[in-house]
N, C-alpha and C. Protein backbone atom coordinates (compact mmCIF):
# COMPACT_ATOMS: atom_id res chain seq x y z
N MET A 1 108.57 107.30 87.99
CA MET A 1 107.36 106.37 88.75
C MET A 1 106.45 106.00 87.44
N PRO A 2 106.49 104.29 87.77
CA PRO A 2 105.49 103.32 86.22
C PRO A 2 104.59 103.70 87.02
N LEU A 3 104.11 103.43 85.82
CA LEU A 3 101.94 103.47 85.87
C LEU A 3 102.06 102.29 85.04
N TYR A 4 100.86 102.03 86.66
CA TYR A 4 100.07 99.79 86.09
C TYR A 4 98.66 100.31 85.89
N GLU A 5 98.78 99.04 85.01
CA GLU A 5 97.32 98.58 84.67
C GLU A 5 97.15 97.60 85.65
N TYR A 6 95.32 97.96 86.29
CA TYR A 6 94.87 96.92 87.06
C TYR A 6 93.67 96.60 86.19
N GLN A 7 92.67 95.66 86.52
CA GLN A 7 91.67 95.20 86.48
C GLN A 7 91.08 94.64 87.30
N CYS A 8 90.06 94.71 88.10
CA CYS A 8 89.04 94.25 88.67
C CYS A 8 87.90 93.25 88.22
N ALA A 9 88.42 92.55 90.04
CA ALA A 9 87.35 91.29 89.79
C ALA A 9 86.23 91.18 89.84
N ALA A 10 86.19 92.07 90.24
CA ALA A 10 84.87 92.17 90.56
C ALA A 10 83.55 92.54 89.63
N CYS A 11 84.24 94.15 89.32
CA CYS A 11 83.38 94.93 87.86
C CYS A 11 84.16 94.89 86.65
N ASP A 12 84.71 94.00 86.49
CA ASP A 12 86.39 93.94 85.06
C ASP A 12 86.18 95.29 84.84
N THR A 13 86.04 96.15 86.43
CA THR A 13 86.70 97.88 85.30
C THR A 13 88.13 97.89 85.18
N ARG A 14 89.01 98.30 84.10
CA ARG A 14 90.52 98.20 83.53
C ARG A 14 90.72 99.98 83.99
N PHE A 15 91.71 100.69 84.76
CA PHE A 15 92.35 101.51 85.04
C PHE A 15 93.92 101.52 85.83
N GLU A 16 94.09 102.44 85.65
CA GLU A 16 95.82 102.95 86.07
C GLU A 16 95.83 103.53 86.89
N LYS A 17 97.04 103.24 87.53
CA LYS A 17 97.96 104.05 89.17
C LYS A 17 99.31 103.83 88.87
N LEU A 18 99.90 105.49 89.10
CA LEU A 18 101.06 105.38 89.06
C LEU A 18 101.65 105.00 91.25
N ALA A 19 102.59 104.68 90.60
CA ALA A 19 103.22 103.89 91.58
C ALA A 19 104.70 103.44 91.96
N SER A 20 105.69 103.36 93.04
CA SER A 20 106.45 102.95 92.81
C SER A 20 106.60 101.19 92.72
N PHE A 21 107.93 101.01 92.43
CA PHE A 21 107.70 99.27 92.03
C PHE A 21 107.82 98.53 92.98
N ALA A 22 107.90 99.53 94.53
CA ALA A 22 107.69 98.95 95.95
C ALA A 22 106.50 98.93 96.29
N ARG A 23 105.78 99.62 96.14
CA ARG A 23 104.04 99.70 96.07
C ARG A 23 103.15 99.51 95.28
N ALA A 24 103.64 98.86 93.82
CA ALA A 24 102.82 98.58 93.05
C ALA A 24 101.33 97.57 93.65
N ASP A 25 101.44 97.01 94.39
CA ASP A 25 100.69 96.05 95.11
C ASP A 25 99.85 96.62 95.76
N GLN A 26 100.39 97.37 96.69
CA GLN A 26 99.75 97.84 98.19
C GLN A 26 98.75 98.80 97.37
N ASP A 27 97.84 98.93 98.63
CA ASP A 27 96.63 100.25 97.95
C ASP A 27 95.89 100.65 97.28
N VAL A 28 95.34 99.52 96.36
CA VAL A 28 94.93 98.97 95.08
C VAL A 28 93.64 99.02 95.24
N VAL A 29 92.39 100.20 93.99
CA VAL A 29 91.10 99.98 95.01
C VAL A 29 90.30 100.21 93.65
N CYS A 30 89.92 99.70 93.08
CA CYS A 30 88.98 100.24 92.05
C CYS A 30 88.41 101.54 92.26
N PRO A 31 88.84 101.87 91.42
CA PRO A 31 87.45 104.01 91.70
C PRO A 31 85.89 103.17 91.19
N ILE A 32 85.87 102.53 90.78
CA ILE A 32 84.27 102.23 90.41
C ILE A 32 83.61 101.10 91.30
N CYS A 33 83.61 99.84 92.18
CA CYS A 33 83.44 99.41 93.12
C CYS A 33 83.76 98.98 94.61
N GLY A 34 85.12 100.00 94.13
CA GLY A 34 86.05 99.75 95.67
C GLY A 34 86.62 98.61 95.95
N ASN A 35 86.55 97.57 95.16
CA ASN A 35 87.32 96.21 95.45
C ASN A 35 88.57 96.67 95.75
N THR A 36 89.57 96.48 96.86
CA THR A 36 90.80 96.18 96.80
C THR A 36 91.41 95.32 97.13
N HIS A 37 91.12 94.24 95.26
CA HIS A 37 91.49 93.07 95.73
C HIS A 37 91.72 92.90 94.06
N PRO A 38 92.91 94.09 93.77
CA PRO A 38 92.17 94.11 91.95
C PRO A 38 93.85 93.52 91.24
N ARG A 39 93.89 93.20 89.96
CA ARG A 39 94.85 92.20 89.77
C ARG A 39 95.75 92.65 88.55
N ARG A 40 96.95 93.21 88.75
CA ARG A 40 98.03 93.82 87.89
C ARG A 40 98.14 93.00 86.38
N LEU A 41 97.89 94.04 85.19
CA LEU A 41 98.35 93.61 84.79
C LEU A 41 99.72 93.81 83.65
N ILE A 42 99.44 92.98 82.75
CA ILE A 42 101.19 93.16 81.83
C ILE A 42 100.54 94.17 81.35
N SER A 43 101.55 95.45 80.91
CA SER A 43 101.71 96.21 79.81
C SER A 43 102.92 95.84 78.67
N ILE A 44 102.34 95.72 77.97
CA ILE A 44 103.19 96.55 76.89
C ILE A 44 103.17 98.16 76.25
N PHE A 45 104.71 98.69 76.24
CA PHE A 45 104.79 99.81 75.87
C PHE A 45 106.32 99.45 74.60
N ALA A 46 106.74 100.78 74.44
CA ALA A 46 107.34 101.33 73.13
C ALA A 46 107.91 102.22 73.30
N THR A 47 108.82 102.46 72.39
CA THR A 47 109.48 103.53 72.10
C THR A 47 110.03 103.48 71.01
N LEU A 48 110.07 105.02 69.84
CA LEU A 48 110.03 104.97 68.95
C LEU A 48 110.92 106.55 69.57
N SER A 49 112.14 106.53 68.21
CA SER A 49 113.02 107.70 68.52
C SER A 49 112.80 108.42 67.19
N PRO A 50 113.32 109.76 66.64
CA PRO A 50 112.79 110.41 65.78
C PRO A 50 113.58 109.52 64.36
N SER A 51 114.68 108.73 64.50
CA SER A 51 115.41 108.08 63.33
C SER A 51 114.72 107.05 63.20
N SER A 52 113.90 106.34 63.73
CA SER A 52 113.31 104.88 63.47
C SER A 52 111.49 105.07 62.62
N ASP A 53 111.61 103.94 62.11
CA ASP A 53 110.51 103.36 61.01
C ASP A 53 109.98 103.33 61.27
N ARG A 54 108.31 102.72 60.74
CA ARG A 54 107.19 102.01 61.49
C ARG A 54 107.13 100.65 61.32
N ALA A 55 108.40 100.82 60.37
CA ALA A 55 108.12 99.45 60.38
C ALA A 55 109.22 98.51 60.76
N SER A 56 110.40 98.95 61.20
CA SER A 56 110.99 98.36 62.28
C SER A 56 110.64 98.54 63.32
N ALA A 57 109.70 99.60 63.75
CA ALA A 57 108.93 99.60 65.36
C ALA A 57 108.60 98.29 65.36
N SER A 58 107.00 98.40 64.43
CA SER A 58 106.43 97.07 64.54
C SER A 58 107.05 95.54 64.22
N ALA A 59 108.13 95.31 63.66
CA ALA A 59 109.23 94.22 63.56
C ALA A 59 109.62 93.87 64.81
N SER A 60 110.14 94.49 65.71
CA SER A 60 110.79 95.06 67.02
C SER A 60 109.84 94.50 68.25
N GLY A 61 108.75 94.70 68.41
CA GLY A 61 107.65 94.69 69.26
C GLY A 61 106.57 95.94 69.56
N GLY A 62 107.63 97.30 69.40
CA GLY A 62 107.00 98.30 69.28
C GLY A 62 105.33 99.46 68.42
N GLY A 63 105.84 100.18 68.87
CA GLY A 63 104.18 100.73 67.92
C GLY A 63 103.15 100.48 69.15
N CYS A 64 101.76 100.73 68.47
CA CYS A 64 100.68 100.79 69.24
C CYS A 64 100.33 99.40 69.56
N ALA A 65 99.81 99.28 70.69
CA ALA A 65 98.99 97.53 71.20
C ALA A 65 97.41 98.03 70.82
N CYS A 66 97.12 99.51 70.38
CA CYS A 66 95.48 99.44 70.70
C CYS A 66 94.63 99.04 70.12
N GLY A 67 95.74 97.83 68.77
CA GLY A 67 94.66 97.69 67.61
C GLY A 67 93.74 98.01 66.47
N GLY A 68 95.24 99.42 66.40
CA GLY A 68 94.63 100.89 65.32
C GLY A 68 93.15 100.92 65.80
N ALA A 69 92.63 101.08 67.25
CA ALA A 69 91.69 102.10 67.79
C ALA A 69 91.68 103.32 68.48
N CYS A 70 93.17 103.46 68.25
CA CYS A 70 93.70 105.36 68.86
C CYS A 70 94.11 105.36 67.20
N SER A 71 94.21 107.31 67.97
CA SER A 71 95.11 107.94 66.87
C SER A 71 96.44 108.30 67.05
N CYS A 72 97.39 107.43 67.81
CA CYS A 72 98.74 107.78 68.35
C CYS A 72 99.64 107.52 67.40
N GLY A 73 99.79 107.02 66.47
CA GLY A 73 100.50 106.56 64.74
C GLY A 73 101.24 105.13 64.84
N GLY A 74 100.91 104.67 66.03
CA GLY A 74 102.17 103.74 66.12
C GLY A 74 101.79 102.34 65.48
N HIS A 75 100.81 102.23 64.75
CA HIS A 75 100.08 101.42 63.62
C HIS A 75 100.22 101.76 61.74
């Protein structure tokens, strides 16, 4: 089941929800303010295999999208 990211239009909170593709935009409620119309965001994802190196992952769009603010090793 995919993990979707949302942003609340009322309080600007970003949150995630596991949902099937068919239900990605149904029954989504902001956990902070209760707004029932958050906006689904486009997520970036990456897959790295043990044989890939960081240079090729970065060139192909893989790696981390956090801008260096985490310890995932994808940058």
